[in-house]
């Protein structure tokens, strides 16, 4: 559990800088430059992510069960996950989806976390998915009080929504049928 928590702390520490202290982040970018800042940010994020993956894998070997969800929630989880992948693509492919949802990445993270909390009841699951859910909620609230940085220079148009939907659904099907079992060791169906 130590690795999982350490990874989450590292990962969310860098991802929360804008939530906690946007002016400090801006000063650091001005001081060291955008590319070095992104390099440091990326390295800390990757180290945190690797520790999360390793820690979660270790914690799953000796689970502490907090609750046992009913089997029927697996179907609800699968339906919720249908929205996640198109939202991820809509974050970087601007269109009406992004304009309507405003922050599709955060909506995708919240949906992903809730979907997984519905079907996973161990302590490691609650820590992992609950922390992502709490962070996404905190980040969304903080966005109301800070200036948004542009995500992508691509122009918004209706065809981009089709691209986001098609790519998202293809990735969803591939993930449900093969990737989840291969990467996580558990088949969602």
N, C-alpha and C. Protein backbone atom coordinates (compact mmCIF):
# COMPACT_ATOMS: atom_id res chain seq x y z
N UNK A 1 0.82 -1.19 0.00
CA UNK A 1 0.00 0.00 0.00
C UNK A 1 0.87 1.26 0.00
N UNK A 2 2.07 1.13 0.57
CA UNK A 2 2.99 2.26 0.65
C UNK A 2 3.33 2.79 -0.74
N UNK A 3 3.64 1.89 -1.69
CA UNK A 3 3.97 2.33 -3.05
C UNK A 3 2.80 3.02 -3.72
N UNK A 4 1.61 2.48 -3.54
CA UNK A 4 0.42 3.08 -4.14
C UNK A 4 0.21 4.50 -3.61
N UNK A 5 0.28 4.66 -2.32
CA UNK A 5 0.06 5.98 -1.72
C UNK A 5 1.17 6.95 -2.11
N UNK A 6 2.42 6.49 -2.13
CA UNK A 6 3.53 7.34 -2.55
C UNK A 6 3.35 7.79 -3.99
N UNK A 7 2.95 6.86 -4.85
CA UNK A 7 2.71 7.20 -6.26
C UNK A 7 1.60 8.20 -6.41
N UNK A 8 0.51 8.01 -5.67
CA UNK A 8 -0.61 8.95 -5.73
C UNK A 8 -0.19 10.34 -5.26
N UNK A 9 0.60 10.40 -4.20
CA UNK A 9 1.08 11.69 -3.70
C UNK A 9 1.92 12.40 -4.76
N UNK A 10 2.87 11.69 -5.34
CA UNK A 10 3.71 12.30 -6.38
C UNK A 10 2.88 12.75 -7.58
N UNK A 11 2.03 11.85 -8.06
CA UNK A 11 1.23 12.13 -9.24
C UNK A 11 0.32 13.34 -9.02
N UNK A 12 -0.37 13.34 -7.89
CA UNK A 12 -1.31 14.44 -7.64
C UNK A 12 -0.62 15.71 -7.18
N UNK A 13 0.57 15.59 -6.63
CA UNK A 13 1.31 16.81 -6.24
C UNK A 13 1.57 17.68 -7.46
N UNK A 14 2.10 17.08 -8.52
CA UNK A 14 2.38 17.89 -9.72
C UNK A 14 1.09 18.28 -10.43
N UNK A 15 0.10 17.40 -10.42
CA UNK A 15 -1.16 17.71 -11.10
C UNK A 15 -2.02 18.70 -10.31
N UNK A 16 -1.63 18.99 -9.08
CA UNK A 16 -2.42 19.92 -8.26
C UNK A 16 -1.76 21.28 -8.10
N UNK A 17 -0.63 21.49 -8.71
CA UNK A 17 0.05 22.77 -8.57
C UNK A 17 -0.85 23.91 -9.02
N UNK A 18 -1.52 23.76 -10.14
CA UNK A 18 -2.41 24.82 -10.62
C UNK A 18 -3.61 25.00 -9.71
N UNK A 19 -4.05 23.94 -9.07
CA UNK A 19 -5.18 24.04 -8.14
C UNK A 19 -4.78 24.84 -6.91
N UNK A 20 -3.60 24.55 -6.40
CA UNK A 20 -3.16 25.13 -5.14
C UNK A 20 -2.51 26.50 -5.32
N UNK A 21 -1.64 26.62 -6.34
CA UNK A 21 -0.87 27.86 -6.47
C UNK A 21 -0.51 28.15 -7.92
N UNK A 22 -1.48 28.57 -8.69
CA UNK A 22 -1.27 28.91 -10.11
C UNK A 22 -0.22 30.01 -10.29
N UNK A 23 -0.20 31.07 -9.46
CA UNK A 23 0.83 32.10 -9.64
C UNK A 23 2.25 31.54 -9.48
N UNK A 24 2.46 30.63 -8.52
CA UNK A 24 3.78 30.03 -8.34
C UNK A 24 4.17 29.23 -9.58
N UNK A 25 3.22 28.47 -10.13
CA UNK A 25 3.46 27.70 -11.34
C UNK A 25 3.89 28.63 -12.48
N UNK A 26 3.18 29.72 -12.64
CA UNK A 26 3.50 30.68 -13.70
C UNK A 26 4.88 31.30 -13.51
N UNK A 27 5.23 31.62 -12.26
CA UNK A 27 6.57 32.16 -11.98
C UNK A 27 7.66 31.15 -12.32
N UNK A 28 7.42 29.87 -11.98
CA UNK A 28 8.41 28.83 -12.27
C UNK A 28 8.57 28.65 -13.77
N UNK A 29 7.48 28.69 -14.52
CA UNK A 29 7.56 28.57 -15.97
C UNK A 29 8.35 29.74 -16.55
N UNK A 30 8.13 30.94 -16.04
CA UNK A 30 8.88 32.10 -16.51
C UNK A 30 10.35 32.00 -16.14
N UNK A 31 10.64 31.45 -14.97
CA UNK A 31 12.01 31.37 -14.49
C UNK A 31 12.82 30.32 -15.26
N UNK A 32 12.26 29.11 -15.43
CA UNK A 32 13.05 28.03 -16.04
C UNK A 32 12.66 27.74 -17.49
N UNK A 33 11.51 28.26 -17.93
CA UNK A 33 11.06 28.02 -19.29
C UNK A 33 9.99 26.94 -19.36
N UNK A 34 9.18 27.02 -20.41
CA UNK A 34 8.06 26.08 -20.57
C UNK A 34 8.54 24.64 -20.76
N UNK A 35 9.54 24.43 -21.62
CA UNK A 35 10.00 23.06 -21.89
C UNK A 35 10.64 22.39 -20.67
N UNK A 36 11.55 23.06 -19.95
CA UNK A 36 12.08 22.43 -18.74
C UNK A 36 10.99 22.14 -17.70
N UNK A 37 10.04 23.08 -17.57
CA UNK A 37 8.93 22.86 -16.63
C UNK A 37 8.15 21.60 -17.02
N UNK A 38 7.81 21.50 -18.29
CA UNK A 38 7.07 20.33 -18.76
C UNK A 38 7.88 19.05 -18.58
N UNK A 39 9.20 19.15 -18.75
CA UNK A 39 10.07 17.98 -18.54
C UNK A 39 10.03 17.51 -17.09
N UNK A 40 10.18 18.43 -16.15
CA UNK A 40 10.14 18.08 -14.73
C UNK A 40 8.76 17.53 -14.37
N UNK A 41 7.73 18.21 -14.84
CA UNK A 41 6.34 17.81 -14.60
C UNK A 41 6.12 16.38 -15.12
N UNK A 42 6.61 16.11 -16.32
CA UNK A 42 6.43 14.79 -16.93
C UNK A 42 7.17 13.71 -16.18
N UNK A 43 8.40 13.98 -15.79
CA UNK A 43 9.20 12.98 -15.07
C UNK A 43 8.55 12.63 -13.74
N UNK A 44 8.15 13.64 -12.98
CA UNK A 44 7.50 13.37 -11.68
C UNK A 44 6.19 12.62 -11.90
N UNK A 45 5.42 13.01 -12.93
CA UNK A 45 4.15 12.33 -13.23
C UNK A 45 4.38 10.87 -13.58
N UNK A 46 5.38 10.60 -14.42
CA UNK A 46 5.67 9.23 -14.83
C UNK A 46 6.13 8.38 -13.65
N UNK A 47 7.00 8.94 -12.82
CA UNK A 47 7.45 8.20 -11.63
C UNK A 47 6.26 7.90 -10.73
N UNK A 48 5.40 8.89 -10.51
CA UNK A 48 4.21 8.69 -9.71
C UNK A 48 3.30 7.62 -10.30
N UNK A 49 3.10 7.68 -11.62
CA UNK A 49 2.23 6.71 -12.29
C UNK A 49 2.79 5.30 -12.18
N UNK A 50 4.09 5.14 -12.37
CA UNK A 50 4.72 3.82 -12.26
C UNK A 50 4.54 3.27 -10.84
N UNK A 51 4.73 4.13 -9.84
CA UNK A 51 4.54 3.69 -8.45
C UNK A 51 3.08 3.32 -8.17
N UNK A 52 2.14 4.08 -8.78
CA UNK A 52 0.72 3.76 -8.63
C UNK A 52 0.43 2.37 -9.20
N UNK A 53 0.93 2.11 -10.39
CA UNK A 53 0.69 0.82 -11.04
C UNK A 53 1.30 -0.31 -10.23
N UNK A 54 2.55 -0.15 -9.82
CA UNK A 54 3.21 -1.19 -9.03
C UNK A 54 2.53 -1.37 -7.68
N UNK A 55 2.24 -0.28 -7.02
CA UNK A 55 1.61 -0.35 -5.70
C UNK A 55 0.22 -0.96 -5.74
N UNK A 56 -0.55 -0.62 -6.77
CA UNK A 56 -1.89 -1.18 -6.91
C UNK A 56 -1.80 -2.69 -7.19
N UNK A 57 -0.86 -3.07 -8.04
CA UNK A 57 -0.66 -4.50 -8.33
C UNK A 57 -0.30 -5.29 -7.09
N UNK A 58 0.57 -4.74 -6.27
CA UNK A 58 0.97 -5.42 -5.03
C UNK A 58 -0.20 -5.47 -4.04
N UNK A 59 -0.92 -4.35 -3.92
CA UNK A 59 -2.05 -4.29 -2.98
C UNK A 59 -3.16 -5.26 -3.37
N UNK A 60 -3.34 -5.52 -4.67
CA UNK A 60 -4.37 -6.45 -5.13
C UNK A 60 -4.05 -7.89 -4.76
N UNK A 61 -2.79 -8.19 -4.49
CA UNK A 61 -2.41 -9.56 -4.14
C UNK A 61 -2.93 -9.96 -2.76
N UNK A 62 -3.10 -8.99 -1.87
CA UNK A 62 -3.61 -9.23 -0.51
C UNK A 62 -4.69 -8.19 -0.21
N UNK A 63 -5.85 -8.33 -0.84
CA UNK A 63 -6.87 -7.28 -0.71
C UNK A 63 -7.52 -7.22 0.67
N UNK A 64 -7.80 -6.00 1.07
CA UNK A 64 -8.60 -5.75 2.27
C UNK A 64 -9.96 -5.32 1.75
N UNK A 65 -10.96 -6.19 1.92
CA UNK A 65 -12.28 -5.94 1.35
C UNK A 65 -13.08 -5.00 2.26
N UNK A 66 -13.53 -3.89 1.68
CA UNK A 66 -14.37 -2.94 2.41
C UNK A 66 -15.85 -3.17 2.12
N UNK A 67 -16.16 -3.53 0.88
CA UNK A 67 -17.54 -3.83 0.50
C UNK A 67 -17.53 -4.75 -0.70
N UNK A 68 -18.62 -5.50 -0.85
CA UNK A 68 -18.77 -6.40 -1.99
C UNK A 68 -19.93 -5.90 -2.84
N UNK A 69 -19.64 -5.34 -4.00
CA UNK A 69 -20.71 -4.79 -4.83
C UNK A 69 -21.55 -5.90 -5.47
N UNK A 70 -22.84 -5.63 -5.71
CA UNK A 70 -23.67 -6.61 -6.41
C UNK A 70 -23.19 -6.80 -7.84
N UNK A 71 -23.34 -8.00 -8.38
CA UNK A 71 -22.88 -8.31 -9.74
C UNK A 71 -23.52 -7.42 -10.79
N UNK A 72 -24.76 -7.00 -10.58
CA UNK A 72 -25.46 -6.17 -11.55
C UNK A 72 -24.79 -4.84 -11.83
N UNK A 73 -23.97 -4.38 -10.90
CA UNK A 73 -23.28 -3.10 -11.10
C UNK A 73 -22.20 -3.19 -12.17
N UNK A 74 -21.78 -4.40 -12.52
CA UNK A 74 -20.81 -4.55 -13.61
C UNK A 74 -21.36 -3.98 -14.91
N UNK A 75 -22.66 -4.19 -15.14
CA UNK A 75 -23.30 -3.69 -16.35
C UNK A 75 -23.36 -2.16 -16.33
N UNK A 76 -23.68 -1.61 -15.18
CA UNK A 76 -23.72 -0.15 -15.03
C UNK A 76 -22.33 0.44 -15.28
N UNK A 77 -21.32 -0.23 -14.74
CA UNK A 77 -19.95 0.22 -14.93
C UNK A 77 -19.55 0.20 -16.40
N UNK A 78 -19.89 -0.87 -17.10
CA UNK A 78 -19.58 -0.97 -18.53
C UNK A 78 -20.27 0.14 -19.33
N UNK A 79 -21.51 0.45 -18.98
CA UNK A 79 -22.23 1.52 -19.68
C UNK A 79 -21.59 2.87 -19.39
N UNK A 80 -21.23 3.12 -18.15
CA UNK A 80 -20.57 4.39 -17.82
C UNK A 80 -19.26 4.55 -18.58
N UNK A 81 -18.53 3.46 -18.73
CA UNK A 81 -17.24 3.52 -19.41
C UNK A 81 -17.36 3.83 -20.90
N UNK A 82 -18.53 3.62 -21.49
CA UNK A 82 -18.75 3.96 -22.90
C UNK A 82 -18.45 5.43 -23.14
N UNK A 83 -18.75 6.28 -22.17
CA UNK A 83 -18.58 7.72 -22.33
C UNK A 83 -17.13 8.18 -22.11
N UNK A 84 -16.37 7.41 -21.40
CA UNK A 84 -15.03 7.84 -20.98
C UNK A 84 -14.09 8.07 -22.16
N UNK A 85 -13.98 7.09 -23.04
CA UNK A 85 -12.99 7.19 -24.12
C UNK A 85 -13.30 8.30 -25.13
N UNK A 86 -14.55 8.47 -25.57
CA UNK A 86 -14.83 9.62 -26.44
C UNK A 86 -14.54 10.97 -25.75
N UNK A 87 -14.82 11.04 -24.45
CA UNK A 87 -14.51 12.29 -23.73
C UNK A 87 -13.02 12.56 -23.69
N UNK A 88 -12.22 11.50 -23.53
CA UNK A 88 -10.77 11.69 -23.55
C UNK A 88 -10.30 12.26 -24.89
N UNK A 89 -10.81 11.70 -25.97
CA UNK A 89 -10.45 12.22 -27.29
C UNK A 89 -10.98 13.63 -27.49
N UNK A 90 -12.19 13.92 -27.00
CA UNK A 90 -12.78 15.25 -27.16
C UNK A 90 -11.98 16.32 -26.43
N UNK A 91 -11.19 15.93 -25.46
CA UNK A 91 -10.32 16.88 -24.76
C UNK A 91 -9.32 17.50 -25.73
N UNK A 92 -8.81 16.71 -26.65
CA UNK A 92 -7.76 17.16 -27.56
C UNK A 92 -8.23 17.39 -28.99
N UNK A 93 -9.49 17.02 -29.27
CA UNK A 93 -10.06 17.22 -30.60
C UNK A 93 -11.29 18.11 -30.40
N UNK A 94 -11.12 19.42 -30.45
CA UNK A 94 -12.22 20.32 -30.09
C UNK A 94 -13.41 20.23 -31.03
N UNK A 95 -14.57 20.28 -30.43
CA UNK A 95 -15.83 20.25 -31.16
C UNK A 95 -16.95 20.59 -30.21
N UNK A 96 -18.15 20.22 -30.59
CA UNK A 96 -19.32 20.52 -29.75
C UNK A 96 -19.29 19.75 -28.43
N UNK A 97 -18.71 18.56 -28.45
CA UNK A 97 -18.61 17.78 -27.20
C UNK A 97 -17.81 18.58 -26.18
N UNK A 98 -16.63 19.04 -26.59
CA UNK A 98 -15.79 19.79 -25.66
C UNK A 98 -16.44 21.10 -25.25
N UNK A 99 -17.08 21.77 -26.21
CA UNK A 99 -17.75 23.03 -25.89
C UNK A 99 -18.89 22.83 -24.90
N UNK A 100 -19.62 21.73 -25.04
CA UNK A 100 -20.77 21.46 -24.17
C UNK A 100 -20.32 20.98 -22.79
N UNK A 101 -19.38 20.05 -22.77
CA UNK A 101 -18.94 19.46 -21.51
C UNK A 101 -17.99 20.40 -20.76
N UNK A 102 -17.31 21.26 -21.46
CA UNK A 102 -16.34 22.25 -20.95
C UNK A 102 -15.00 21.62 -20.56
N UNK A 103 -15.00 20.59 -19.75
CA UNK A 103 -13.76 19.95 -19.30
C UNK A 103 -13.90 18.44 -19.44
N UNK A 104 -13.86 17.94 -20.69
CA UNK A 104 -14.12 16.51 -20.91
C UNK A 104 -13.13 15.57 -20.22
N UNK A 105 -11.89 15.97 -20.06
CA UNK A 105 -10.92 15.12 -19.37
C UNK A 105 -11.35 14.88 -17.93
N UNK A 106 -11.76 15.94 -17.25
CA UNK A 106 -12.19 15.79 -15.85
C UNK A 106 -13.48 15.00 -15.74
N UNK A 107 -14.40 15.19 -16.67
CA UNK A 107 -15.64 14.40 -16.67
C UNK A 107 -15.30 12.93 -16.92
N UNK A 108 -14.35 12.67 -17.82
CA UNK A 108 -13.93 11.30 -18.09
C UNK A 108 -13.30 10.66 -16.85
N UNK A 109 -12.46 11.40 -16.16
CA UNK A 109 -11.81 10.87 -14.96
C UNK A 109 -12.85 10.57 -13.88
N UNK A 110 -13.79 11.49 -13.67
CA UNK A 110 -14.83 11.27 -12.66
C UNK A 110 -15.70 10.06 -13.02
N UNK A 111 -16.06 9.95 -14.29
CA UNK A 111 -16.89 8.83 -14.73
C UNK A 111 -16.14 7.51 -14.57
N UNK A 112 -14.87 7.50 -14.98
CA UNK A 112 -14.02 6.32 -14.84
C UNK A 112 -13.91 5.90 -13.37
N UNK A 113 -13.68 6.86 -12.49
CA UNK A 113 -13.52 6.56 -11.07
C UNK A 113 -14.82 6.01 -10.48
N UNK A 114 -15.94 6.65 -10.77
CA UNK A 114 -17.22 6.18 -10.25
C UNK A 114 -17.53 4.78 -10.77
N UNK A 115 -17.31 4.57 -12.08
CA UNK A 115 -17.57 3.25 -12.68
C UNK A 115 -16.76 2.16 -11.97
N UNK A 116 -15.53 2.46 -11.63
CA UNK A 116 -14.69 1.47 -10.98
C UNK A 116 -15.01 1.31 -9.49
N UNK A 117 -15.43 2.38 -8.84
CA UNK A 117 -15.83 2.26 -7.43
C UNK A 117 -17.11 1.45 -7.29
N UNK A 118 -17.94 1.45 -8.32
CA UNK A 118 -19.17 0.67 -8.28
C UNK A 118 -18.91 -0.84 -8.27
N UNK A 119 -17.79 -1.27 -8.84
CA UNK A 119 -17.54 -2.70 -8.99
C UNK A 119 -16.31 -3.22 -8.24
N UNK A 120 -15.60 -2.34 -7.57
CA UNK A 120 -14.39 -2.75 -6.85
C UNK A 120 -14.48 -2.25 -5.42
N UNK A 121 -14.40 -3.16 -4.48
CA UNK A 121 -14.60 -2.77 -3.09
C UNK A 121 -13.44 -2.98 -2.15
N UNK A 122 -12.23 -3.16 -2.67
CA UNK A 122 -11.09 -3.33 -1.76
C UNK A 122 -10.55 -1.97 -1.33
N UNK A 123 -9.76 -1.97 -0.28
CA UNK A 123 -9.17 -0.74 0.22
C UNK A 123 -8.31 -0.07 -0.85
N UNK A 124 -7.52 -0.86 -1.58
CA UNK A 124 -6.68 -0.30 -2.64
C UNK A 124 -7.53 0.35 -3.73
N UNK A 125 -8.65 -0.27 -4.07
CA UNK A 125 -9.56 0.29 -5.08
C UNK A 125 -10.12 1.62 -4.61
N UNK A 126 -10.57 1.66 -3.38
CA UNK A 126 -11.17 2.88 -2.85
C UNK A 126 -10.12 3.99 -2.79
N UNK A 127 -8.91 3.66 -2.39
CA UNK A 127 -7.85 4.66 -2.34
C UNK A 127 -7.52 5.15 -3.76
N UNK A 128 -7.34 4.23 -4.69
CA UNK A 128 -6.96 4.61 -6.06
C UNK A 128 -8.07 5.40 -6.74
N UNK A 129 -9.23 4.79 -6.90
CA UNK A 129 -10.30 5.44 -7.66
C UNK A 129 -10.91 6.61 -6.90
N UNK A 130 -10.98 6.49 -5.58
CA UNK A 130 -11.50 7.59 -4.77
C UNK A 130 -10.61 8.82 -4.83
N UNK A 131 -9.30 8.62 -4.86
CA UNK A 131 -8.39 9.77 -4.93
C UNK A 131 -8.48 10.45 -6.30
N UNK A 132 -8.62 9.67 -7.36
CA UNK A 132 -8.79 10.28 -8.68
C UNK A 132 -10.11 11.06 -8.75
N UNK A 133 -11.16 10.51 -8.17
CA UNK A 133 -12.45 11.19 -8.16
C UNK A 133 -12.36 12.49 -7.36
N UNK A 134 -11.78 12.43 -6.18
CA UNK A 134 -11.64 13.63 -5.35
C UNK A 134 -10.79 14.69 -6.04
N UNK A 135 -9.69 14.26 -6.67
CA UNK A 135 -8.83 15.22 -7.36
C UNK A 135 -9.56 15.89 -8.52
N UNK A 136 -10.31 15.10 -9.31
CA UNK A 136 -11.02 15.65 -10.46
C UNK A 136 -12.09 16.65 -10.02
N UNK A 137 -12.77 16.35 -8.93
CA UNK A 137 -13.77 17.29 -8.40
C UNK A 137 -13.08 18.57 -7.94
N UNK A 138 -11.98 18.45 -7.20
CA UNK A 138 -11.25 19.63 -6.72
C UNK A 138 -10.71 20.45 -7.89
N UNK A 139 -10.19 19.79 -8.90
CA UNK A 139 -9.65 20.51 -10.06
C UNK A 139 -10.77 21.26 -10.79
N UNK A 140 -11.91 20.62 -10.95
CA UNK A 140 -13.04 21.27 -11.65
C UNK A 140 -13.52 22.49 -10.88
N UNK A 141 -13.61 22.38 -9.57
CA UNK A 141 -14.02 23.53 -8.75
C UNK A 141 -13.00 24.65 -8.87
N UNK A 142 -11.72 24.32 -8.85
CA UNK A 142 -10.67 25.35 -8.92
C UNK A 142 -10.66 26.05 -10.28
N UNK A 143 -11.09 25.36 -11.33
CA UNK A 143 -11.08 25.96 -12.66
C UNK A 143 -12.04 27.15 -12.76
N UNK A 144 -13.00 27.20 -11.89
CA UNK A 144 -13.92 28.33 -11.89
C UNK A 144 -13.23 29.61 -11.43
N UNK A 145 -12.06 29.46 -10.80
CA UNK A 145 -11.38 30.60 -10.20
C UNK A 145 -10.02 30.91 -10.83
N UNK A 146 -9.72 30.28 -11.95
CA UNK A 146 -8.43 30.54 -12.58
C UNK A 146 -8.57 30.59 -14.10
N UNK A 147 -7.62 31.24 -14.73
CA UNK A 147 -7.62 31.39 -16.18
C UNK A 147 -7.15 30.07 -16.79
N UNK A 148 -7.88 29.60 -17.80
CA UNK A 148 -7.55 28.33 -18.43
C UNK A 148 -6.46 28.51 -19.49
N UNK A 149 -5.52 27.58 -19.49
CA UNK A 149 -4.50 27.54 -20.53
C UNK A 149 -5.08 26.79 -21.72
N UNK A 150 -4.74 27.20 -22.93
CA UNK A 150 -5.26 26.48 -24.10
C UNK A 150 -4.73 25.05 -24.14
N UNK A 151 -5.60 24.11 -24.57
CA UNK A 151 -5.23 22.70 -24.62
C UNK A 151 -4.62 22.34 -25.96
N UNK A 152 -5.20 22.84 -27.04
CA UNK A 152 -4.75 22.44 -28.36
C UNK A 152 -5.04 23.53 -29.39
N UNK A 153 -4.20 23.65 -30.41
CA UNK A 153 -4.44 24.67 -31.43
C UNK A 153 -5.40 24.23 -32.54
N UNK A 154 -5.94 23.03 -32.47
CA UNK A 154 -6.84 22.53 -33.51
C UNK A 154 -8.15 23.32 -33.46
N UNK A 155 -8.67 23.67 -34.63
CA UNK A 155 -9.93 24.41 -34.69
C UNK A 155 -11.12 23.49 -34.43
N UNK A 156 -12.12 24.05 -33.80
CA UNK A 156 -13.34 23.31 -33.48
C UNK A 156 -14.24 23.20 -34.69
N UNK A 157 -14.74 21.98 -34.93
CA UNK A 157 -15.75 21.78 -35.96
C UNK A 157 -16.53 20.50 -35.66
N UNK A 158 -17.66 20.34 -36.32
CA UNK A 158 -18.54 19.20 -36.08
C UNK A 158 -17.92 17.87 -36.42
N UNK A 159 -17.06 17.83 -37.43
CA UNK A 159 -16.43 16.57 -37.82
C UNK A 159 -15.51 16.04 -36.72
N UNK A 160 -14.94 16.94 -35.95
CA UNK A 160 -14.08 16.51 -34.84
C UNK A 160 -14.84 15.66 -33.83
N UNK A 161 -16.13 15.96 -33.63
CA UNK A 161 -16.94 15.15 -32.72
C UNK A 161 -17.07 13.72 -33.23
N UNK A 162 -17.25 13.59 -34.53
CA UNK A 162 -17.34 12.26 -35.13
C UNK A 162 -16.03 11.50 -34.91
N UNK A 163 -14.92 12.19 -35.11
CA UNK A 163 -13.60 11.57 -34.90
C UNK A 163 -13.46 11.13 -33.44
N UNK A 164 -13.81 12.00 -32.52
CA UNK A 164 -13.69 11.68 -31.09
C UNK A 164 -14.58 10.49 -30.73
N UNK A 165 -15.80 10.48 -31.25
CA UNK A 165 -16.73 9.38 -30.96
C UNK A 165 -16.25 8.05 -31.54
N UNK A 166 -15.82 8.08 -32.80
CA UNK A 166 -15.37 6.84 -33.45
C UNK A 166 -14.11 6.31 -32.77
N UNK A 167 -13.12 7.17 -32.59
CA UNK A 167 -11.89 6.72 -31.93
C UNK A 167 -12.17 6.24 -30.50
N UNK A 168 -13.03 6.97 -29.79
CA UNK A 168 -13.38 6.58 -28.43
C UNK A 168 -14.07 5.23 -28.36
N UNK A 169 -14.99 4.99 -29.27
CA UNK A 169 -15.71 3.71 -29.26
C UNK A 169 -14.80 2.55 -29.67
N UNK A 170 -13.92 2.79 -30.64
CA UNK A 170 -12.98 1.75 -31.03
C UNK A 170 -12.07 1.40 -29.85
N UNK A 171 -11.55 2.42 -29.18
CA UNK A 171 -10.68 2.17 -28.04
C UNK A 171 -11.45 1.48 -26.90
N UNK A 172 -12.69 1.87 -26.70
CA UNK A 172 -13.53 1.22 -25.67
C UNK A 172 -13.67 -0.27 -25.96
N UNK A 173 -14.02 -0.61 -27.19
CA UNK A 173 -14.22 -2.02 -27.56
C UNK A 173 -12.92 -2.80 -27.39
N UNK A 174 -11.82 -2.24 -27.87
CA UNK A 174 -10.52 -2.91 -27.75
C UNK A 174 -10.15 -3.08 -26.28
N UNK A 175 -10.41 -2.05 -25.49
CA UNK A 175 -10.06 -2.12 -24.07
C UNK A 175 -10.91 -3.16 -23.35
N UNK A 176 -12.21 -3.16 -23.61
CA UNK A 176 -13.10 -4.11 -22.93
C UNK A 176 -12.80 -5.55 -23.34
N UNK A 177 -12.57 -5.77 -24.63
CA UNK A 177 -12.39 -7.13 -25.11
C UNK A 177 -10.99 -7.69 -24.86
N UNK A 178 -9.96 -6.83 -24.90
CA UNK A 178 -8.59 -7.35 -24.79
C UNK A 178 -7.69 -6.60 -23.82
N UNK A 179 -7.59 -5.29 -23.97
CA UNK A 179 -6.56 -4.55 -23.25
C UNK A 179 -6.72 -4.58 -21.73
N UNK A 180 -7.94 -4.49 -21.23
CA UNK A 180 -8.12 -4.47 -19.77
C UNK A 180 -7.59 -5.77 -19.16
N UNK A 181 -7.92 -6.91 -19.76
CA UNK A 181 -7.44 -8.18 -19.24
C UNK A 181 -5.92 -8.28 -19.37
N UNK A 182 -5.38 -7.79 -20.49
CA UNK A 182 -3.94 -7.88 -20.70
C UNK A 182 -3.17 -6.95 -19.78
N UNK A 183 -3.64 -5.72 -19.61
CA UNK A 183 -2.94 -4.74 -18.79
C UNK A 183 -3.20 -4.90 -17.29
N UNK A 184 -4.45 -5.16 -16.93
CA UNK A 184 -4.85 -5.18 -15.53
C UNK A 184 -4.95 -6.60 -14.97
N UNK A 185 -5.19 -7.56 -15.85
CA UNK A 185 -5.30 -8.95 -15.41
C UNK A 185 -6.72 -9.36 -15.06
N UNK A 186 -7.69 -8.48 -15.34
CA UNK A 186 -9.09 -8.75 -15.04
C UNK A 186 -9.92 -8.39 -16.27
N UNK A 187 -10.75 -9.29 -16.72
CA UNK A 187 -11.63 -8.99 -17.84
C UNK A 187 -12.89 -8.33 -17.32
N UNK A 188 -13.27 -7.17 -17.89
CA UNK A 188 -14.48 -6.50 -17.41
C UNK A 188 -15.78 -7.16 -17.85
N UNK A 189 -15.71 -8.13 -18.77
CA UNK A 189 -16.93 -8.81 -19.20
C UNK A 189 -16.88 -10.30 -18.87
